[in-house]
């Protein structure tokens, strides 16, 4: 499955009708959510999709769009139940304003793509097809951005093709904030800090927005200016990550990354910097682009990758401000991010190494006079197996 996104240029009458359908979708969502809460309050269970679809019949929306809205609410409710059962904190669906209702989704039919995009009930919309679609179009989503721009997003099913041959090297990547990524071969990818570049301009426009009177024309203009800056930040971030990920999957045949919980980390500390760096977005781009590039992406457990020595495997505690790894066991001294990247690629190549190192540490705690874990054991699979056998 692949996604294609194209810019739409609807006429004034078409845009007015599309916005009215977004308004109806918002009203329909709020009515169904209020009905759901009322049913749950009296009967202790959520309504079925059949009862919710009764709201769609006379709403004025195209049937496909209304039914998809019902399915979206139903999935959100049951995901809340699933997360609660698993002990995970997850928000309940909320009532929406017109600013939060951004798209109209056509899951099966109601659209046709030719020189223009024909959509029921809006007619033919002007579309800029900057690239050719390969595969069979399955769904269409018409999306309105906060800046007022309209886009058509197609979900396309493509035939599987054999990936091209990739004879690149193996590499481990340690994601960070000082630099976006440090590779195990010593390459450093700098962190552009897109938000920081426009921080002052954004703060100035947000102050003007907060001072503007509500429901006034000046407030709408100020809101549009803020949205434009956010859009530029987002576009530059995506452009940089796309170009970087393409270069990596083409240059390397094996990429190892940490399986980071970026959302939880952002809630705990350095949230703005982590979100600006786009760790999850970068990892997702590497994953889906690697498939067609003949590259393999492996995620490893991030536990102790910063503390572990890439040479001897022993742990060395570090404060956040310490930028060098100085191993007190084997004497290795190098940048902490480079050391972590080398640990990551070794763990991805030989997953048994970590189990072996943990067993060795437990043995060393019980018998302090035993010799330390030999550094050469991480060099190959055969030596790793031999080390595990000795342990």
Protein backbone atom coordinates (compact mmCIF):
# COMPACT_ATOMS: atom_id res chain seq x y z
CA UNK A 1 0.00 0.00 0.00
CA UNK A 2 1.29 3.44 -0.96
CA UNK A 3 -0.09 6.94 -0.46
CA UNK A 4 -0.12 9.77 -3.00
CA UNK A 5 -0.87 13.37 -2.10
CA UNK A 6 -1.86 16.01 -4.68
CA UNK A 7 -2.86 19.66 -4.41
CA UNK A 8 -6.48 20.54 -5.22
CA UNK A 9 -7.75 23.89 -6.54
CA UNK A 10 -11.54 23.93 -6.11
CA UNK A 11 -13.65 26.82 -7.38
CA UNK A 12 -15.27 29.24 -4.94
CA UNK A 13 -18.66 27.54 -5.13
CA UNK A 14 -17.04 24.11 -4.79
CA UNK A 15 -14.96 25.20 -1.81
CA UNK A 16 -18.02 26.65 -0.10
CA UNK A 17 -19.88 23.35 -0.57
CA UNK A 18 -16.87 21.33 0.68
CA UNK A 19 -16.63 23.45 3.82
CA UNK A 20 -20.37 22.99 4.41
CA UNK A 21 -19.88 19.21 4.23
CA UNK A 22 -17.10 19.49 6.80
CA UNK A 23 -19.52 21.44 9.00
CA UNK A 24 -22.19 18.74 8.62
CA UNK A 25 -19.58 16.07 9.43
CA UNK A 26 -18.67 17.97 12.59
CA UNK A 27 -22.32 18.24 13.65
CA UNK A 28 -22.91 14.56 12.87
CA UNK A 29 -19.88 13.48 14.89
CA UNK A 30 -21.00 15.53 17.92
CA UNK A 31 -24.56 14.20 17.72
CA UNK A 32 -23.38 10.58 17.53
CA UNK A 33 -20.93 11.09 20.40
CA UNK A 34 -23.64 12.67 22.58
CA UNK A 35 -25.97 9.77 21.76
CA UNK A 36 -23.20 7.29 22.61
CA UNK A 37 -22.61 8.86 26.02
CA UNK A 38 -26.34 8.90 26.73
CA UNK A 39 -26.76 5.21 25.84
CA UNK A 40 -23.74 4.25 27.94
CA UNK A 41 -25.06 6.26 30.90
CA UNK A 42 -28.39 4.45 30.88
CA UNK A 43 -27.47 0.95 29.65
CA UNK A 44 -23.75 0.57 30.43
CA UNK A 45 -22.75 -0.26 26.86
CA UNK A 46 -22.02 1.53 23.58
CA UNK A 47 -24.53 1.63 20.70
CA UNK A 48 -24.04 -0.53 17.61
CA UNK A 49 -22.97 0.78 14.22
CA UNK A 50 -26.47 0.07 12.88
CA UNK A 51 -28.03 2.51 15.36
CA UNK A 52 -25.33 5.12 14.70
CA UNK A 53 -25.86 4.93 10.94
CA UNK A 54 -29.42 6.12 11.42
CA UNK A 55 -27.93 9.58 11.99
CA UNK A 56 -26.35 9.51 8.51
CA UNK A 57 -29.53 8.88 6.49
CA UNK A 58 -30.91 12.42 6.40
CA UNK A 59 -27.70 14.30 7.22
CA UNK A 60 -27.03 15.46 3.64
CA UNK A 61 -23.60 13.80 3.47
CA UNK A 62 -22.62 11.37 0.75
CA UNK A 63 -23.35 7.85 2.08
CA UNK A 64 -19.72 6.69 1.94
CA UNK A 65 -18.46 9.72 3.87
CA UNK A 66 -21.13 9.36 6.57
CA UNK A 67 -20.60 5.62 7.03
CA UNK A 68 -16.85 6.13 7.34
CA UNK A 69 -17.49 8.74 10.05
CA UNK A 70 -19.53 6.17 11.97
CA UNK A 71 -16.76 3.58 11.62
CA UNK A 72 -14.21 6.12 12.83
CA UNK A 73 -16.19 6.83 16.01
CA UNK A 74 -16.86 3.12 16.59
CA UNK A 75 -13.13 2.28 16.24
CA UNK A 76 -12.17 5.13 18.60
CA UNK A 77 -14.57 3.86 21.26
CA UNK A 78 -13.38 0.28 21.11
CA UNK A 79 -9.74 1.33 21.05
CA UNK A 80 -10.41 3.19 24.30
CA UNK A 81 -11.79 -0.05 25.78
CA UNK A 82 -8.84 -2.08 24.55
CA UNK A 83 -6.27 0.36 25.94
CA UNK A 84 -8.06 0.50 29.29
CA UNK A 85 -7.99 -3.30 29.55
CA UNK A 86 -4.26 -3.26 28.83
CA UNK A 87 -3.70 -0.66 31.54
CA UNK A 88 -2.71 2.08 29.08
CA UNK A 89 -3.99 5.63 29.57
CA UNK A 90 -5.92 6.62 26.46
CA UNK A 91 -8.27 9.53 25.87
CA UNK A 92 -11.99 9.26 25.19
CA UNK A 93 -13.29 10.65 21.84
CA UNK A 94 -13.97 14.37 22.10
CA UNK A 95 -16.54 16.74 20.69
CA UNK A 96 -15.10 18.59 17.70
CA UNK A 97 -15.08 22.14 16.48
CA UNK A 98 -14.92 22.95 12.76
CA UNK A 99 -11.13 23.39 13.07
CA UNK A 100 -10.77 19.75 14.16
CA UNK A 101 -12.86 18.31 11.34
CA UNK A 102 -10.36 18.42 8.49
CA UNK A 103 -11.19 15.65 6.01
CA UNK A 104 -13.84 13.81 3.99
CA UNK A 105 -13.04 10.14 3.41
CA UNK A 106 -14.27 7.99 0.49
CA UNK A 107 -13.40 4.37 1.38
CA UNK A 108 -14.77 2.63 -1.75
CA UNK A 109 -16.40 4.76 -4.45
CA UNK A 110 -17.78 8.21 -5.18
CA UNK A 111 -14.71 9.52 -7.04
CA UNK A 112 -12.96 9.15 -10.39
CA UNK A 113 -9.50 10.39 -11.37
CA UNK A 114 -8.83 11.60 -14.89
CA UNK A 115 -7.50 14.93 -16.10
CA UNK A 116 -9.50 16.30 -13.18
CA UNK A 117 -10.76 14.67 -10.00
CA UNK A 118 -14.49 13.99 -10.17
CA UNK A 119 -15.96 13.72 -6.67
CA UNK A 120 -19.57 13.23 -5.60
CA UNK A 121 -21.24 15.70 -4.99
CA UNK A 122 -18.70 18.45 -5.75
CA UNK A 123 -18.16 17.78 -9.45
CA UNK A 124 -14.79 18.06 -11.20
CA UNK A 125 -11.97 19.51 -9.09
CA UNK A 126 -8.73 20.85 -10.57
CA UNK A 127 -5.80 18.72 -9.40
CA UNK A 128 -2.03 18.98 -9.87
CA UNK A 129 -0.74 15.45 -10.59
CA UNK A 130 2.98 16.01 -10.14
CA UNK A 131 3.74 12.28 -10.48
CA UNK A 132 2.14 9.22 -12.02
CA UNK A 133 0.15 6.88 -9.77
CA UNK A 134 1.35 3.28 -9.97
CA UNK A 135 -1.22 0.72 -8.89
CA UNK A 136 -4.92 0.51 -8.15
CA UNK A 137 -6.56 3.38 -6.26
CA UNK A 138 -8.51 2.09 -3.25
CA UNK A 139 -9.54 5.13 -1.21
CA UNK A 140 -9.65 8.92 -1.40
CA UNK A 141 -9.36 11.46 1.40
CA UNK A 142 -10.04 15.14 0.71
CA UNK A 143 -8.20 17.15 3.33
CA UNK A 144 -8.27 20.83 4.23
CA UNK A 145 -5.16 22.24 5.92
CA UNK A 146 -5.32 25.07 8.50
CA UNK A 147 -3.88 27.41 5.86
CA UNK A 148 -6.95 26.80 3.67
CA UNK A 149 -5.17 24.58 1.12
CA UNK A 150 -6.97 21.49 -0.15
CA UNK A 151 -5.31 18.15 -0.89
CA UNK A 152 -6.38 14.79 -2.32
CA UNK A 153 -4.77 11.79 -0.63
CA UNK A 154 -5.04 8.45 -2.46
CA UNK A 155 -4.38 5.06 -0.92
CA UNK A 156 -3.02 2.82 -3.70
CA UNK A 157 -2.50 -0.93 -3.82
CA UNK A 158 0.61 -1.92 -5.77
CA UNK A 159 1.98 -5.25 -6.89
CA UNK A 160 4.94 -6.53 -4.96
CA UNK A 161 8.23 -6.23 -6.84
CA UNK A 162 11.60 -7.74 -6.10
CA UNK A 163 13.79 -5.22 -4.23
CA UNK A 164 16.91 -4.05 -5.99
CA UNK A 165 20.27 -5.47 -4.97
CA UNK A 166 21.96 -3.49 -2.23
CA UNK A 167 25.60 -4.22 -1.46
CA UNK A 168 26.00 -1.49 1.12
CA UNK A 169 27.52 -1.79 4.57
CA UNK A 170 25.90 -2.41 7.93
CA UNK A 171 25.34 0.55 10.20
CA UNK A 172 23.87 1.40 13.58
CA UNK A 173 22.12 4.73 14.22
CA UNK A 174 21.86 6.49 17.56
CA UNK A 175 19.18 9.19 17.48
CA UNK A 176 19.73 12.29 19.58
CA UNK A 177 19.05 16.00 20.00
CA UNK A 178 22.51 17.56 19.83
CA UNK A 179 22.84 15.83 16.47
CA UNK A 180 19.88 14.13 14.83
CA UNK A 181 21.76 10.87 14.26
CA UNK A 182 25.22 9.43 14.84
CA UNK A 183 26.19 6.45 12.68
CA UNK A 184 28.46 3.63 13.79
CA UNK A 185 30.92 4.45 10.97
CA UNK A 186 31.49 7.92 12.45
CA UNK A 187 29.09 9.89 10.22
CA UNK A 188 27.13 12.58 12.06
CA UNK A 189 23.84 13.97 10.74
CA UNK A 190 23.28 17.41 12.22
CA UNK A 191 19.97 18.44 13.76
CA UNK A 192 18.52 21.31 11.67
CA UNK A 193 16.19 22.46 14.52
CA UNK A 194 13.49 23.72 12.16
CA UNK A 195 11.30 25.07 14.95
CA UNK A 196 14.15 27.01 16.56
CA UNK A 197 14.88 28.81 13.27
CA UNK A 198 11.37 30.30 13.19
CA UNK A 199 10.82 30.51 16.93
CA UNK A 200 10.96 34.29 17.20
CA UNK A 201 8.70 34.87 14.19
CA UNK A 202 6.20 32.32 15.49
CA UNK A 203 6.18 33.85 18.98
CA UNK A 204 5.56 37.31 17.51
CA UNK A 205 2.60 36.09 15.42
CA UNK A 206 1.13 34.11 18.32
CA UNK A 207 1.21 37.23 20.52
CA UNK A 208 -0.68 39.15 17.85
CA UNK A 209 -3.21 36.32 17.61
CA UNK A 210 -3.79 36.29 21.37
CA UNK A 211 -4.44 40.04 21.37
CA UNK A 212 -6.90 39.99 18.46
CA UNK A 213 -10.58 40.22 19.39
CA UNK A 214 -12.57 37.03 18.98
CA UNK A 215 -14.80 36.59 15.92
CA UNK A 216 -13.07 39.47 14.18
CA UNK A 217 -11.50 39.56 10.71
CA UNK A 218 -8.10 40.48 12.15
CA UNK A 219 -8.16 37.35 14.28
CA UNK A 220 -8.77 35.17 11.22
CA UNK A 221 -5.85 36.85 9.44
CA UNK A 222 -3.57 36.39 12.45
CA UNK A 223 -4.64 32.75 12.74
CA UNK A 224 -3.80 32.16 9.08
CA UNK A 225 -0.32 33.69 9.51
CA UNK A 226 0.42 31.39 12.47
CA UNK A 227 -0.82 28.36 10.50
CA UNK A 228 1.39 29.34 7.55
CA UNK A 229 4.54 29.39 9.72
CA UNK A 230 3.66 26.00 11.24
CA UNK A 231 3.10 24.60 7.74
CA UNK A 232 6.52 25.80 6.59
CA UNK A 233 8.18 24.24 9.63
CA UNK A 234 6.41 20.95 8.96
CA UNK A 235 7.28 20.98 5.26
CA UNK A 236 10.98 21.70 5.83
CA UNK A 237 11.15 18.95 8.47
CA UNK A 238 9.53 16.39 6.17
CA UNK A 239 11.73 17.43 3.24
CA UNK A 240 14.91 17.01 5.28
CA UNK A 241 13.88 13.63 6.73
CA UNK A 242 12.79 12.32 3.32
CA UNK A 243 16.10 13.21 1.70
CA UNK A 244 18.15 11.84 4.62
CA UNK A 245 16.23 8.55 4.80
CA UNK A 246 16.52 7.97 1.04
CA UNK A 247 20.29 8.46 1.17
CA UNK A 248 20.65 6.06 4.12
CA UNK A 249 18.62 3.18 2.64
CA UNK A 250 20.55 3.50 -0.63
CA UNK A 251 24.00 3.64 1.00
CA UNK A 252 23.52 0.85 3.56
CA UNK A 253 22.07 -2.66 3.30
CA UNK A 254 21.47 -3.12 7.05
CA UNK A 255 20.32 -0.37 9.44
CA UNK A 256 19.93 -0.85 13.20
CA UNK A 257 17.90 1.57 15.33
CA UNK A 258 16.69 1.80 18.90
CA UNK A 259 12.99 1.15 19.45
CA UNK A 260 12.38 4.44 21.22
CA UNK A 261 9.12 5.42 22.93
CA UNK A 262 9.37 8.97 21.59
CA UNK A 263 5.90 10.03 22.72
CA UNK A 264 6.47 8.95 26.33
CA UNK A 265 9.93 10.53 26.32
CA UNK A 266 8.49 13.80 24.99
CA UNK A 267 5.94 13.89 27.80
CA UNK A 268 8.68 13.37 30.37
CA UNK A 269 11.43 15.74 29.19
CA UNK A 270 12.61 17.77 26.16
CA UNK A 271 9.22 17.36 24.48
CA UNK A 272 9.54 20.30 22.10
CA UNK A 273 13.02 19.26 20.92
CA UNK A 274 12.06 15.59 20.46
CA UNK A 275 8.96 16.47 18.45
CA UNK A 276 10.94 18.96 16.37
CA UNK A 277 13.57 16.31 15.56
CA UNK A 278 10.86 13.90 14.35
CA UNK A 279 12.34 10.61 15.60
CA UNK A 280 9.22 8.52 14.93
CA UNK A 281 8.73 10.07 11.50
CA UNK A 282 12.36 9.37 10.60
CA UNK A 283 12.14 5.74 11.75
CA UNK A 284 8.90 5.20 9.80
CA UNK A 285 10.44 6.65 6.64
CA UNK A 286 13.47 4.37 6.94
CA UNK A 287 11.22 1.34 7.48
CA UNK A 288 8.96 1.68 4.45
CA UNK A 289 11.66 2.97 2.09
CA UNK A 290 14.06 0.16 2.99
CA UNK A 291 11.71 -2.46 1.52
CA UNK A 292 12.11 -1.26 -2.07
CA UNK A 293 15.76 -0.27 -1.65
CA UNK A 294 16.94 -3.79 -0.73
CA UNK A 295 17.80 -2.63 2.78
CA UNK A 296 16.88 -4.24 6.10
CA UNK A 297 15.91 -2.19 9.17
CA UNK A 298 16.13 -3.80 12.63
CA UNK A 299 15.01 -2.29 15.94
CA UNK A 300 16.74 -3.20 19.21
CA UNK A 301 15.90 -2.69 22.86
CA UNK A 302 17.31 0.72 23.90
CA UNK A 303 18.06 -0.39 27.46
CA UNK A 304 21.68 0.40 28.46
CA UNK A 305 22.83 1.17 24.91
CA UNK A 306 24.33 4.44 26.20
CA UNK A 307 26.00 2.83 29.21
CA UNK A 308 27.30 -0.30 27.47
CA UNK A 309 30.84 -0.35 26.10
CA UNK A 310 31.07 -1.30 22.43
CA UNK A 311 34.43 -2.97 23.07
CA UNK A 312 34.12 -5.03 26.26
CA UNK A 313 30.37 -4.93 26.96
CA UNK A 314 30.64 -3.59 30.52
CA UNK A 315 28.36 -0.83 31.78
CA UNK A 316 29.59 2.66 32.61
CA UNK A 317 27.09 5.08 34.14
CA UNK A 318 26.97 8.57 32.59
CA UNK A 319 25.26 11.83 33.37
CA UNK A 320 23.26 13.46 30.60
CA UNK A 321 25.86 16.20 30.20
CA UNK A 322 28.77 13.76 29.71
CA UNK A 323 29.46 13.60 25.99
CA UNK A 324 32.36 11.12 26.14
CA UNK A 325 32.34 7.40 26.84
CA UNK A 326 35.31 6.46 29.04
CA UNK A 327 35.30 2.76 29.90
CA UNK A 328 36.97 2.00 33.22
CA UNK A 329 37.33 -1.68 32.28
CA UNK A 330 39.03 -1.67 28.85
CA UNK A 331 40.08 1.99 28.59
CA UNK A 332 38.02 2.78 25.46
CA UNK A 333 37.42 6.52 25.02
CA UNK A 334 35.15 7.94 22.31
CA UNK A 335 32.05 10.05 21.76
CA UNK A 336 29.12 8.57 23.69
CA UNK A 337 26.77 8.69 20.68
CA UNK A 338 29.29 6.89 18.46
CA UNK A 339 29.77 4.23 21.12
CA UNK A 340 25.99 3.79 21.42
CA UNK A 341 25.63 3.44 17.63
CA UNK A 342 28.25 0.66 17.61
CA UNK A 343 26.49 -1.12 20.46
CA UNK A 344 23.18 -0.89 18.57
CA UNK A 345 24.53 -2.47 15.37
CA UNK A 346 26.17 -5.30 17.34
CA UNK A 347 22.95 -6.05 19.19
CA UNK A 348 21.05 -6.10 15.89
CA UNK A 349 23.57 -8.45 14.28
CA UNK A 350 23.95 -10.78 17.25
CA UNK A 351 20.91 -10.61 19.56
CA UNK A 352 22.39 -13.40 21.74
CA UNK A 353 25.24 -11.11 22.75
CA UNK A 354 23.09 -9.12 25.18
CA UNK A 355 21.83 -12.30 26.86
CA UNK A 356 25.40 -13.53 27.08
CA UNK A 357 26.66 -10.25 28.49
CA UNK A 358 23.89 -10.20 31.10
CA UNK A 359 24.81 -13.74 32.16
CA UNK A 360 28.47 -12.74 32.31
CA UNK A 361 27.70 -9.75 34.54
CA UNK A 362 25.72 -11.92 36.93
CA UNK A 363 28.61 -14.41 37.00
CA UNK A 364 31.11 -11.61 37.62
CA UNK A 365 29.00 -10.27 40.51
CA UNK A 366 29.02 -13.71 42.14
CA UNK A 367 32.68 -14.42 41.35
CA UNK A 368 34.60 -11.12 41.18
CA UNK A 369 37.93 -12.83 40.51
CA UNK A 370 36.78 -14.28 37.18
CA UNK A 371 38.37 -12.63 34.10
CA UNK A 372 36.30 -9.98 32.30
CA UNK A 373 34.36 -10.65 29.11
CA UNK A 374 36.82 -10.70 26.19
CA UNK A 375 36.46 -7.81 23.76
CA UNK A 376 37.01 -9.94 20.64
CA UNK A 377 33.87 -12.00 21.36
CA UNK A 378 31.67 -9.34 19.75
CA UNK A 379 33.59 -9.60 16.49
CA UNK A 380 31.79 -12.52 14.87
CA UNK A 381 28.95 -14.92 15.44
CA UNK A 382 31.28 -17.85 15.99
CA UNK A 383 33.24 -16.07 18.70
CA UNK A 384 29.99 -14.96 20.33
CA UNK A 385 28.77 -18.53 20.48
CA UNK A 386 32.10 -19.62 21.94
CA UNK A 387 31.83 -16.92 24.61
CA UNK A 388 28.31 -17.99 25.50
CA UNK A 389 29.44 -21.61 25.78
CA UNK A 390 32.21 -20.61 28.21
CA UNK A 391 29.75 -18.60 30.31
